[in-house]
N, C-alpha and C. Protein backbone atom coordinates (compact mmCIF):
# COMPACT_ATOMS: atom_id res chain seq x y z
N MET A 1 85.64 113.10 99.96
CA MET A 1 86.82 113.99 99.97
C MET A 1 87.88 113.37 99.00
N ASN A 2 88.40 114.12 98.17
CA ASN A 2 89.43 113.62 97.26
C ASN A 2 90.82 114.25 97.62
N ILE A 3 91.85 113.50 97.65
CA ILE A 3 93.19 114.00 98.03
C ILE A 3 94.13 113.79 96.88
N SER A 4 95.02 114.77 96.61
CA SER A 4 95.85 114.74 95.50
C SER A 4 97.17 114.03 95.69
N TRP A 5 97.57 113.78 96.99
CA TRP A 5 98.89 113.26 97.27
C TRP A 5 98.97 111.74 97.31
N ILE A 6 97.82 111.10 97.09
CA ILE A 6 97.88 109.66 97.06
C ILE A 6 96.74 109.14 96.20
N SER A 7 97.04 107.99 95.49
CA SER A 7 96.08 107.37 94.64
C SER A 7 95.39 106.31 95.46
N ILE A 8 94.06 106.40 95.51
CA ILE A 8 93.32 105.45 96.28
C ILE A 8 92.89 104.32 95.35
N THR A 9 93.43 103.07 95.63
CA THR A 9 93.16 101.93 94.78
C THR A 9 92.46 100.90 95.67
N PRO A 10 91.87 99.88 95.04
CA PRO A 10 91.27 98.77 95.82
C PRO A 10 92.25 98.07 96.74
N LYS A 11 93.51 97.91 96.26
CA LYS A 11 94.54 97.30 97.11
C LYS A 11 94.83 98.18 98.33
N LEU A 12 94.93 99.52 98.11
CA LEU A 12 95.13 100.39 99.26
C LEU A 12 93.99 100.35 100.22
N LYS A 13 92.79 100.30 99.71
CA LYS A 13 91.59 100.19 100.65
C LYS A 13 91.64 98.91 101.46
N THR A 14 92.06 97.77 100.83
CA THR A 14 92.15 96.55 101.52
C THR A 14 93.19 96.67 102.62
N GLY A 15 94.33 97.27 102.29
CA GLY A 15 95.41 97.48 103.26
C GLY A 15 94.91 98.30 104.44
N ILE A 16 94.15 99.33 104.17
CA ILE A 16 93.59 100.20 105.22
C ILE A 16 92.62 99.43 106.09
N ASP A 17 91.86 98.50 105.49
CA ASP A 17 90.96 97.68 106.28
C ASP A 17 91.75 96.77 107.26
N ILE A 18 92.88 96.31 106.86
CA ILE A 18 93.75 95.54 107.75
C ILE A 18 94.27 96.40 108.78
N ILE A 19 94.71 97.61 108.46
CA ILE A 19 95.19 98.61 109.53
C ILE A 19 94.12 98.82 110.58
N ASN A 20 92.89 99.04 110.07
CA ASN A 20 91.85 99.32 111.04
C ASN A 20 91.45 98.16 111.92
N ALA A 21 91.81 96.95 111.44
CA ALA A 21 91.45 95.74 112.21
C ALA A 21 92.44 95.41 113.30
N ILE A 22 93.70 95.88 113.20
CA ILE A 22 94.71 95.52 114.22
C ILE A 22 94.55 96.45 115.43
N GLU A 23 95.20 96.07 116.50
CA GLU A 23 95.12 96.79 117.72
C GLU A 23 95.90 98.09 117.58
N LYS A 24 95.48 99.13 118.25
CA LYS A 24 96.10 100.45 118.13
C LYS A 24 97.58 100.44 118.59
N SER A 25 97.84 99.66 119.68
CA SER A 25 99.21 99.60 120.19
C SER A 25 100.12 98.83 119.19
N GLU A 26 99.58 97.83 118.54
CA GLU A 26 100.43 97.13 117.53
C GLU A 26 100.70 98.05 116.30
N PHE A 27 99.68 98.87 115.93
CA PHE A 27 99.86 99.76 114.78
C PHE A 27 100.95 100.85 115.22
N ALA A 28 100.88 101.33 116.43
CA ALA A 28 101.86 102.28 116.90
C ALA A 28 103.27 101.77 116.80
N LYS A 29 103.46 100.49 117.23
CA LYS A 29 104.78 99.86 117.17
C LYS A 29 105.21 99.70 115.75
N LEU A 30 104.31 99.33 114.90
CA LEU A 30 104.63 99.15 113.49
C LEU A 30 105.10 100.47 112.82
N LEU A 31 104.36 101.53 113.12
CA LEU A 31 104.79 102.87 112.60
C LEU A 31 106.08 103.29 113.16
N GLU A 32 106.36 103.03 114.41
CA GLU A 32 107.64 103.40 115.05
C GLU A 32 108.76 102.75 114.28
N GLN A 33 108.62 101.43 114.03
CA GLN A 33 109.61 100.66 113.33
C GLN A 33 109.79 101.23 111.89
N ILE A 34 108.77 101.56 111.26
CA ILE A 34 108.85 102.06 109.84
C ILE A 34 109.55 103.39 109.83
N HIS A 35 109.16 104.33 110.69
CA HIS A 35 109.84 105.66 110.66
C HIS A 35 111.17 105.61 111.24
N ARG A 36 111.50 104.62 112.09
CA ARG A 36 112.88 104.58 112.63
C ARG A 36 113.90 104.25 111.56
N PHE A 37 113.44 103.28 110.75
CA PHE A 37 114.44 102.83 109.74
C PHE A 37 114.17 103.52 108.35
N HIS A 38 113.06 104.11 108.17
CA HIS A 38 112.73 104.92 106.99
C HIS A 38 113.11 104.20 105.70
N SER A 39 112.84 102.86 105.63
CA SER A 39 113.09 102.07 104.45
C SER A 39 111.94 101.11 104.20
N GLU A 40 111.94 100.53 103.09
CA GLU A 40 110.85 99.62 102.79
C GLU A 40 111.06 98.25 103.45
N ASP A 41 112.16 97.92 103.95
CA ASP A 41 112.48 96.74 104.68
C ASP A 41 112.90 96.93 106.09
N PRO A 42 112.07 97.52 106.95
CA PRO A 42 112.48 97.84 108.31
C PRO A 42 112.47 96.64 109.27
N PHE A 43 112.03 95.51 108.78
CA PHE A 43 111.90 94.31 109.61
C PHE A 43 112.80 93.19 109.12
N SER A 44 113.41 92.48 110.08
CA SER A 44 114.16 91.29 109.71
C SER A 44 113.13 90.16 109.53
N GLN A 45 113.66 88.98 109.08
CA GLN A 45 112.75 87.83 108.80
C GLN A 45 112.12 87.34 110.13
N SER A 46 112.93 87.33 111.24
CA SER A 46 112.34 86.88 112.41
C SER A 46 111.34 87.88 113.02
N GLU A 47 111.58 89.22 112.83
CA GLU A 47 110.65 90.17 113.26
C GLU A 47 109.30 90.08 112.51
N LEU A 48 109.39 89.76 111.23
CA LEU A 48 108.22 89.57 110.39
C LEU A 48 107.38 88.39 110.90
N GLN A 49 108.07 87.32 111.26
CA GLN A 49 107.35 86.14 111.75
C GLN A 49 106.70 86.45 113.08
N GLU A 50 107.38 87.16 113.92
CA GLU A 50 106.83 87.54 115.28
C GLU A 50 105.63 88.46 114.99
N LEU A 51 105.75 89.39 114.13
CA LEU A 51 104.70 90.35 113.85
C LEU A 51 103.46 89.61 113.33
N GLN A 52 103.74 88.66 112.44
CA GLN A 52 102.67 87.89 111.84
C GLN A 52 101.88 87.16 112.90
N GLU A 53 102.60 86.55 113.86
CA GLU A 53 101.94 85.79 114.91
C GLU A 53 101.19 86.69 115.83
N ASN A 54 101.83 87.87 116.23
CA ASN A 54 101.16 88.83 117.17
C ASN A 54 99.88 89.41 116.56
N LEU A 55 99.86 89.66 115.24
CA LEU A 55 98.71 90.25 114.63
C LEU A 55 97.66 89.23 114.12
N GLY A 56 98.07 87.99 114.03
CA GLY A 56 97.14 86.97 113.64
C GLY A 56 96.85 87.07 112.09
N LEU A 57 97.82 87.50 111.35
CA LEU A 57 97.64 87.67 109.88
C LEU A 57 98.35 86.63 109.13
N ASN A 58 97.90 86.31 107.90
CA ASN A 58 98.70 85.49 107.07
C ASN A 58 99.78 86.31 106.36
N LEU A 59 100.70 85.65 105.69
CA LEU A 59 101.81 86.39 105.10
C LEU A 59 101.43 87.45 104.13
N LYS A 60 100.40 87.10 103.30
CA LYS A 60 99.93 88.07 102.27
C LYS A 60 99.27 89.26 102.91
N GLN A 61 98.55 89.06 104.00
CA GLN A 61 97.89 90.21 104.70
C GLN A 61 98.96 91.10 105.33
N LEU A 62 99.98 90.48 105.95
CA LEU A 62 101.07 91.18 106.59
C LEU A 62 101.84 92.01 105.57
N GLU A 63 102.13 91.43 104.46
CA GLU A 63 102.78 92.21 103.39
C GLU A 63 102.02 93.37 102.90
N LEU A 64 100.68 93.14 102.75
CA LEU A 64 99.81 94.28 102.34
C LEU A 64 99.73 95.36 103.42
N LEU A 65 99.67 94.95 104.62
CA LEU A 65 99.68 95.92 105.75
C LEU A 65 100.91 96.78 105.71
N LEU A 66 102.04 96.16 105.62
CA LEU A 66 103.36 96.86 105.63
C LEU A 66 103.44 97.78 104.38
N GLN A 67 103.11 97.25 103.22
CA GLN A 67 103.13 98.07 101.97
C GLN A 67 102.25 99.26 102.09
N THR A 68 101.03 99.07 102.63
CA THR A 68 100.15 100.19 102.75
C THR A 68 100.58 101.25 103.73
N ALA A 69 101.06 100.77 104.88
CA ALA A 69 101.54 101.75 105.92
C ALA A 69 102.74 102.53 105.39
N PHE A 70 103.60 101.81 104.79
CA PHE A 70 104.83 102.46 104.24
C PHE A 70 104.49 103.44 103.12
N TYR A 71 103.61 103.01 102.21
CA TYR A 71 103.21 103.85 101.08
C TYR A 71 102.52 105.17 101.53
N ILE A 72 101.56 105.02 102.47
CA ILE A 72 100.87 106.18 102.95
C ILE A 72 101.85 107.12 103.69
N PHE A 73 102.71 106.52 104.48
CA PHE A 73 103.73 107.29 105.17
C PHE A 73 104.63 108.11 104.26
N LYS A 74 105.16 107.38 103.25
CA LYS A 74 106.08 107.93 102.27
C LYS A 74 105.36 109.08 101.49
N GLN A 75 104.15 108.87 101.03
CA GLN A 75 103.45 109.89 100.28
C GLN A 75 103.07 111.05 101.14
N SER A 76 102.70 110.88 102.39
CA SER A 76 102.34 111.98 103.21
C SER A 76 103.52 112.87 103.61
N LEU A 77 104.76 112.33 103.52
CA LEU A 77 105.96 113.13 103.69
C LEU A 77 106.30 114.00 102.55
N LYS A 78 105.71 113.79 101.42
CA LYS A 78 105.97 114.54 100.12
C LYS A 78 105.18 115.81 100.01
N VAL A 79 104.25 116.00 100.85
CA VAL A 79 103.34 117.12 100.78
C VAL A 79 103.36 117.97 102.01
N ILE A 80 102.93 119.25 101.90
CA ILE A 80 102.94 120.06 103.07
C ILE A 80 101.51 120.04 103.63
N LEU A 81 101.41 119.49 104.85
CA LEU A 81 100.22 119.33 105.53
C LEU A 81 100.33 119.74 107.02
N LYS A 82 99.27 120.19 107.54
CA LYS A 82 99.24 120.35 109.00
C LYS A 82 98.81 119.03 109.61
N PRO A 83 99.19 118.72 110.82
CA PRO A 83 98.80 117.47 111.40
C PRO A 83 97.29 117.27 111.43
N THR A 84 96.57 118.34 111.77
CA THR A 84 95.13 118.16 111.88
C THR A 84 94.54 117.94 110.47
N GLY A 85 95.12 118.55 109.43
CA GLY A 85 94.62 118.37 108.03
C GLY A 85 94.96 116.95 107.62
N LEU A 86 96.14 116.37 107.92
CA LEU A 86 96.42 115.05 107.60
C LEU A 86 95.48 114.07 108.26
N GLN A 87 95.29 114.26 109.58
CA GLN A 87 94.34 113.37 110.30
C GLN A 87 92.92 113.36 109.66
N LYS A 88 92.50 114.56 109.32
CA LYS A 88 91.18 114.66 108.70
C LYS A 88 91.09 113.89 107.39
N GLN A 89 92.13 114.05 106.57
CA GLN A 89 92.20 113.39 105.28
C GLN A 89 92.30 111.87 105.45
N LEU A 90 93.07 111.45 106.44
CA LEU A 90 93.18 110.01 106.70
C LEU A 90 91.80 109.37 107.03
N VAL A 91 91.04 110.12 107.84
CA VAL A 91 89.72 109.63 108.31
C VAL A 91 88.71 109.72 107.18
N GLU A 92 88.59 110.89 106.59
CA GLU A 92 87.55 111.14 105.63
C GLU A 92 87.76 110.57 104.22
N ALA A 93 89.02 110.63 103.78
CA ALA A 93 89.28 110.19 102.41
C ALA A 93 89.74 108.74 102.36
N LEU A 94 90.55 108.35 103.35
CA LEU A 94 91.09 107.00 103.33
C LEU A 94 90.41 106.04 104.31
N ASN A 95 89.40 106.51 104.96
CA ASN A 95 88.62 105.72 105.94
C ASN A 95 89.41 105.06 107.07
N PHE A 96 90.44 105.75 107.56
CA PHE A 96 91.11 105.30 108.74
C PHE A 96 90.17 105.42 109.90
N ARG A 97 90.23 104.55 110.89
CA ARG A 97 89.56 104.79 112.11
C ARG A 97 90.25 105.89 112.85
N ASP A 98 89.56 106.67 113.68
CA ASP A 98 90.09 107.81 114.35
C ASP A 98 91.35 107.43 115.13
N ASP A 99 91.37 106.33 115.87
CA ASP A 99 92.51 106.01 116.73
C ASP A 99 93.77 105.69 115.85
N LYS A 100 93.52 105.06 114.72
CA LYS A 100 94.66 104.74 113.81
C LYS A 100 95.18 106.02 113.13
N ALA A 101 94.28 106.91 112.75
CA ALA A 101 94.68 108.15 112.16
C ALA A 101 95.51 108.99 113.16
N GLU A 102 95.10 108.97 114.42
CA GLU A 102 95.81 109.67 115.45
C GLU A 102 97.22 109.15 115.67
N GLU A 103 97.33 107.80 115.66
CA GLU A 103 98.69 107.16 115.78
C GLU A 103 99.57 107.50 114.56
N PHE A 104 98.95 107.44 113.37
CA PHE A 104 99.68 107.76 112.20
C PHE A 104 100.20 109.17 112.24
N VAL A 105 99.38 110.13 112.63
CA VAL A 105 99.81 111.52 112.74
C VAL A 105 100.92 111.74 113.79
N LYS A 106 100.82 110.99 114.87
CA LYS A 106 101.89 111.11 115.92
C LYS A 106 103.28 110.70 115.25
N ALA A 107 103.27 109.59 114.57
CA ALA A 107 104.50 109.12 113.97
C ALA A 107 105.02 110.02 112.88
N TRP A 108 104.07 110.52 112.07
CA TRP A 108 104.33 111.50 110.98
C TRP A 108 104.99 112.76 111.54
N THR A 109 104.40 113.23 112.66
CA THR A 109 104.96 114.48 113.21
C THR A 109 106.39 114.28 113.73
N ILE A 110 106.65 113.11 114.34
CA ILE A 110 108.01 112.80 114.81
C ILE A 110 109.02 112.86 113.65
N VAL A 111 108.65 112.20 112.58
CA VAL A 111 109.49 112.19 111.40
C VAL A 111 109.72 113.49 110.74
N THR A 112 108.58 114.31 110.58
CA THR A 112 108.77 115.59 109.99
C THR A 112 109.61 116.51 110.81
N LYS A 113 109.49 116.38 112.12
CA LYS A 113 110.36 117.28 113.01
C LYS A 113 111.80 116.87 112.88
N ARG A 114 112.02 115.56 112.78
CA ARG A 114 113.37 115.08 112.63
C ARG A 114 113.97 115.48 111.29
N ASP A 115 113.19 115.28 110.22
CA ASP A 115 113.68 115.54 108.87
C ASP A 115 113.88 117.05 108.59
N PHE A 116 113.01 117.87 109.12
CA PHE A 116 113.14 119.25 108.89
C PHE A 116 113.86 120.04 109.93
N GLY A 117 114.23 119.34 110.96
CA GLY A 117 114.96 119.98 112.09
C GLY A 117 114.14 121.08 112.73
N ASN A 118 114.84 121.79 113.56
CA ASN A 118 114.17 122.87 114.27
C ASN A 118 114.06 124.08 113.40
N LEU A 119 112.94 124.32 112.82
CA LEU A 119 112.79 125.51 111.93
C LEU A 119 113.11 126.83 112.55
N GLU A 120 113.00 126.89 113.92
CA GLU A 120 113.34 128.17 114.58
C GLU A 120 114.82 128.46 114.51
N ASP A 121 115.60 127.44 114.25
CA ASP A 121 117.06 127.58 114.22
C ASP A 121 117.61 127.85 112.78
N ARG A 122 116.69 128.04 111.88
CA ARG A 122 117.15 128.17 110.49
C ARG A 122 117.74 129.61 110.22
N PHE A 123 118.42 129.70 109.06
CA PHE A 123 118.90 130.95 108.63
C PHE A 123 117.79 131.67 107.75
N ASN A 124 117.70 132.99 107.92
CA ASN A 124 116.83 133.83 107.12
C ASN A 124 117.64 134.60 106.19
N LEU A 125 117.09 134.73 104.98
CA LEU A 125 117.76 135.64 104.00
C LEU A 125 117.49 137.09 104.41
N THR A 126 118.54 137.84 104.63
CA THR A 126 118.35 139.24 105.05
C THR A 126 118.96 140.23 104.04
N GLU A 127 119.74 139.76 103.12
CA GLU A 127 120.35 140.65 102.12
C GLU A 127 120.67 139.90 100.88
N ILE A 128 120.37 140.59 99.75
CA ILE A 128 120.80 140.03 98.44
C ILE A 128 121.53 141.17 97.69
N SER A 129 122.74 140.89 97.24
CA SER A 129 123.38 141.87 96.41
C SER A 129 124.01 141.13 95.21
N TRP A 130 124.13 141.77 94.14
CA TRP A 130 124.66 141.17 92.98
C TRP A 130 125.45 142.11 92.11
N GLU A 131 126.28 141.52 91.26
CA GLU A 131 127.06 142.32 90.35
C GLU A 131 127.19 141.50 89.06
N LEU A 132 126.87 142.14 87.97
CA LEU A 132 126.93 141.41 86.67
C LEU A 132 128.14 141.99 85.90
N ASN A 133 129.01 141.05 85.56
CA ASN A 133 130.20 141.40 84.80
C ASN A 133 130.09 140.78 83.41
N LEU A 134 130.53 141.57 82.42
CA LEU A 134 130.54 141.08 81.05
C LEU A 134 132.02 140.95 80.63
N GLN A 135 132.43 139.79 80.37
CA GLN A 135 133.78 139.54 79.88
C GLN A 135 133.74 139.64 78.36
N THR A 136 134.70 140.38 77.83
CA THR A 136 134.74 140.46 76.36
C THR A 136 135.90 139.76 75.88
N SER A 137 135.82 139.27 74.63
CA SER A 137 136.89 138.58 74.06
C SER A 137 137.97 139.54 73.61
N SER A 138 139.06 139.02 73.18
CA SER A 138 140.19 139.91 72.76
C SER A 138 139.84 140.61 71.44
N PRO A 139 140.50 141.69 71.13
CA PRO A 139 140.18 142.39 69.86
C PRO A 139 140.48 141.53 68.61
N LEU A 140 141.33 140.54 68.79
CA LEU A 140 141.66 139.71 67.61
C LEU A 140 140.52 138.70 67.28
N GLN A 141 139.78 138.34 68.31
CA GLN A 141 138.65 137.40 68.07
C GLN A 141 137.37 138.16 67.88
N SER A 142 136.34 137.46 67.45
CA SER A 142 135.06 138.10 67.24
C SER A 142 134.58 138.60 68.58
N LYS A 143 133.87 139.71 68.59
CA LYS A 143 133.44 140.26 69.82
C LYS A 143 132.31 139.39 70.43
N GLU A 144 132.68 138.78 71.54
CA GLU A 144 131.73 137.90 72.20
C GLU A 144 131.67 138.32 73.67
N LEU A 145 130.45 138.47 74.13
CA LEU A 145 130.25 138.86 75.56
C LEU A 145 129.88 137.62 76.39
N THR A 146 130.60 137.48 77.51
CA THR A 146 130.29 136.35 78.40
C THR A 146 129.87 136.90 79.77
N PRO A 147 128.53 136.74 80.09
CA PRO A 147 128.06 137.29 81.37
C PRO A 147 128.56 136.35 82.52
N ASN A 148 128.89 137.08 83.59
CA ASN A 148 129.31 136.36 84.80
C ASN A 148 128.62 137.14 85.96
N LEU A 149 127.85 136.44 86.75
CA LEU A 149 127.04 137.05 87.85
C LEU A 149 127.73 136.65 89.15
N GLN A 150 127.91 137.64 90.06
CA GLN A 150 128.27 137.39 91.43
C GLN A 150 127.09 137.72 92.28
N LEU A 151 126.58 136.72 92.96
CA LEU A 151 125.45 136.88 93.79
C LEU A 151 125.79 136.62 95.27
N LYS A 152 125.55 137.63 96.09
CA LYS A 152 125.87 137.53 97.51
C LYS A 152 124.58 137.41 98.28
N LEU A 153 124.48 136.36 99.15
CA LEU A 153 123.29 136.15 99.96
C LEU A 153 123.72 136.33 101.44
N GLY A 154 123.09 137.28 102.10
CA GLY A 154 123.40 137.51 103.50
C GLY A 154 122.39 136.75 104.33
N LEU A 155 122.80 135.90 105.22
CA LEU A 155 121.91 135.07 106.04
C LEU A 155 122.14 135.37 107.45
N THR A 156 121.07 135.35 108.31
CA THR A 156 121.13 135.55 109.72
C THR A 156 120.29 134.53 110.39
N LYS A 157 120.83 133.92 111.46
CA LYS A 157 120.01 132.96 112.26
C LYS A 157 118.86 133.62 112.90
N THR A 158 117.74 132.94 112.99
CA THR A 158 116.50 133.52 113.44
C THR A 158 116.65 134.13 114.87
N HIS A 159 117.17 133.33 115.82
CA HIS A 159 117.14 133.77 117.22
C HIS A 159 118.59 134.07 117.74
N SER A 160 119.43 134.52 116.87
CA SER A 160 120.79 134.91 117.31
C SER A 160 121.39 135.91 116.36
N VAL A 161 122.59 136.33 116.64
CA VAL A 161 123.25 137.27 115.77
C VAL A 161 124.21 136.65 114.78
N ASP A 162 124.16 135.32 114.65
CA ASP A 162 125.05 134.63 113.70
C ASP A 162 124.68 135.09 112.31
N GLU A 163 125.72 135.48 111.59
CA GLU A 163 125.57 135.88 110.25
C GLU A 163 126.42 135.05 109.33
N LYS A 164 125.95 134.87 108.08
CA LYS A 164 126.69 134.07 107.16
C LYS A 164 126.48 134.66 105.81
N ASN A 165 127.53 134.76 104.99
CA ASN A 165 127.40 135.24 103.67
C ASN A 165 127.82 134.11 102.65
N ILE A 166 126.93 133.97 101.67
CA ILE A 166 127.25 132.92 100.66
C ILE A 166 127.44 133.71 99.32
N LEU A 167 128.56 133.37 98.68
CA LEU A 167 128.88 134.07 97.42
C LEU A 167 128.77 133.06 96.30
N LEU A 168 127.93 133.32 95.35
CA LEU A 168 127.76 132.43 94.17
C LEU A 168 128.31 133.19 92.91
N GLU A 169 129.04 132.47 92.20
CA GLU A 169 129.54 132.98 90.94
C GLU A 169 128.99 132.10 89.84
N LEU A 170 128.15 132.74 88.92
CA LEU A 170 127.43 131.98 87.96
C LEU A 170 127.75 132.43 86.58
N ASP A 171 127.95 131.45 85.63
CA ASP A 171 128.10 131.85 84.24
C ASP A 171 126.71 131.87 83.62
N GLU A 172 126.67 132.07 82.35
CA GLU A 172 125.33 132.23 81.67
C GLU A 172 124.48 130.98 81.83
N LYS A 173 125.05 129.85 81.64
CA LYS A 173 124.32 128.59 81.76
C LYS A 173 123.77 128.36 83.17
N GLU A 174 124.57 128.63 84.15
CA GLU A 174 124.17 128.43 85.52
C GLU A 174 123.14 129.46 85.92
N LEU A 175 123.30 130.67 85.40
CA LEU A 175 122.32 131.69 85.69
C LEU A 175 121.00 131.39 85.10
N LEU A 176 120.92 130.87 83.91
CA LEU A 176 119.74 130.47 83.29
C LEU A 176 119.06 129.32 84.06
N GLN A 177 119.85 128.33 84.52
CA GLN A 177 119.33 127.25 85.31
C GLN A 177 118.78 127.77 86.64
N LEU A 178 119.40 128.71 87.30
CA LEU A 178 118.91 129.30 88.50
C LEU A 178 117.53 130.05 88.26
N TYR A 179 117.49 130.78 87.15
CA TYR A 179 116.30 131.48 86.77
C TYR A 179 115.14 130.48 86.51
N ASN A 180 115.40 129.40 85.80
CA ASN A 180 114.36 128.40 85.51
C ASN A 180 113.93 127.73 86.77
N THR A 181 114.79 127.46 87.69
CA THR A 181 114.40 126.86 88.97
C THR A 181 113.47 127.79 89.76
N PHE A 182 113.83 129.06 89.83
CA PHE A 182 112.96 130.01 90.53
C PHE A 182 111.60 130.13 89.79
N GLU A 183 111.60 130.12 88.51
CA GLU A 183 110.42 130.19 87.72
C GLU A 183 109.51 128.93 88.06
N ASN A 184 110.06 127.75 88.11
CA ASN A 184 109.33 126.55 88.43
C ASN A 184 108.75 126.67 89.85
N ILE A 185 109.51 127.15 90.74
CA ILE A 185 109.05 127.34 92.18
C ILE A 185 107.85 128.29 92.14
N GLN A 186 108.02 129.37 91.43
CA GLN A 186 106.91 130.40 91.41
C GLN A 186 105.67 129.84 90.80
N ASN A 187 105.81 129.06 89.72
CA ASN A 187 104.65 128.39 89.09
C ASN A 187 103.99 127.49 90.02
N LYS A 188 104.73 126.63 90.85
CA LYS A 188 104.10 125.80 91.80
C LYS A 188 103.37 126.56 92.87
N ILE A 189 103.96 127.60 93.36
CA ILE A 189 103.32 128.41 94.35
C ILE A 189 102.00 129.02 93.82
N ASP A 190 102.09 129.54 92.59
CA ASP A 190 100.87 130.07 91.98
C ASP A 190 99.79 129.04 91.79
N PHE A 191 100.15 127.83 91.42
CA PHE A 191 99.25 126.72 91.27
C PHE A 191 98.53 126.40 92.62
N LEU A 192 99.41 126.33 93.69
CA LEU A 192 98.86 125.99 95.02
C LEU A 192 97.90 127.08 95.50
N GLN A 193 98.23 128.33 95.20
CA GLN A 193 97.35 129.43 95.63
C GLN A 193 96.05 129.46 94.84
N GLN A 194 96.05 129.05 93.61
CA GLN A 194 94.80 128.94 92.83
C GLN A 194 93.92 127.86 93.34
N ASN A 195 94.56 126.73 93.86
CA ASN A 195 93.76 125.63 94.28
C ASN A 195 93.36 125.66 95.77
N ASP A 196 93.60 126.75 96.45
CA ASP A 196 93.24 126.85 97.85
C ASP A 196 91.72 127.11 98.04
């Protein structure tokens, strides 16, 4: 199985071998620390020494273990996956042991819920209205048209009657940038649909 969201290198494989060799409970603690601080240095020097002793690893192995866990965690947060799909990819493509993949997915699920919030509480787009105005220059200057778009977005909370209106006023440059952004999004959606 080949996965597009991560590059599988010999160094990564060695790091995964170290992950598979440590106790499940130690791996769970390690992941908790990584996702709690969400940075590449979630451990103090004393914590690293304690971790090294508890796991029975040399410093180089410990560093590779941490780099591997952090890298896979970071990369997995950049893609849209279902937990079961992620677990399957960890086991089949990255050769995680089942118990390690399960712990990884638990930690990943906690972070994605925290980062994306409660999606049931989000706003839904219920109305779009727009008005295009063309501003003309004065009769003394050359006739130049300047487009100005007013875009009104009506939003409603999913499970309540809370409504919110957002009014955007865009000049030609901003309108072109918005158009290009939507075009890029559509191209990515089309690409993903073709590769399903």
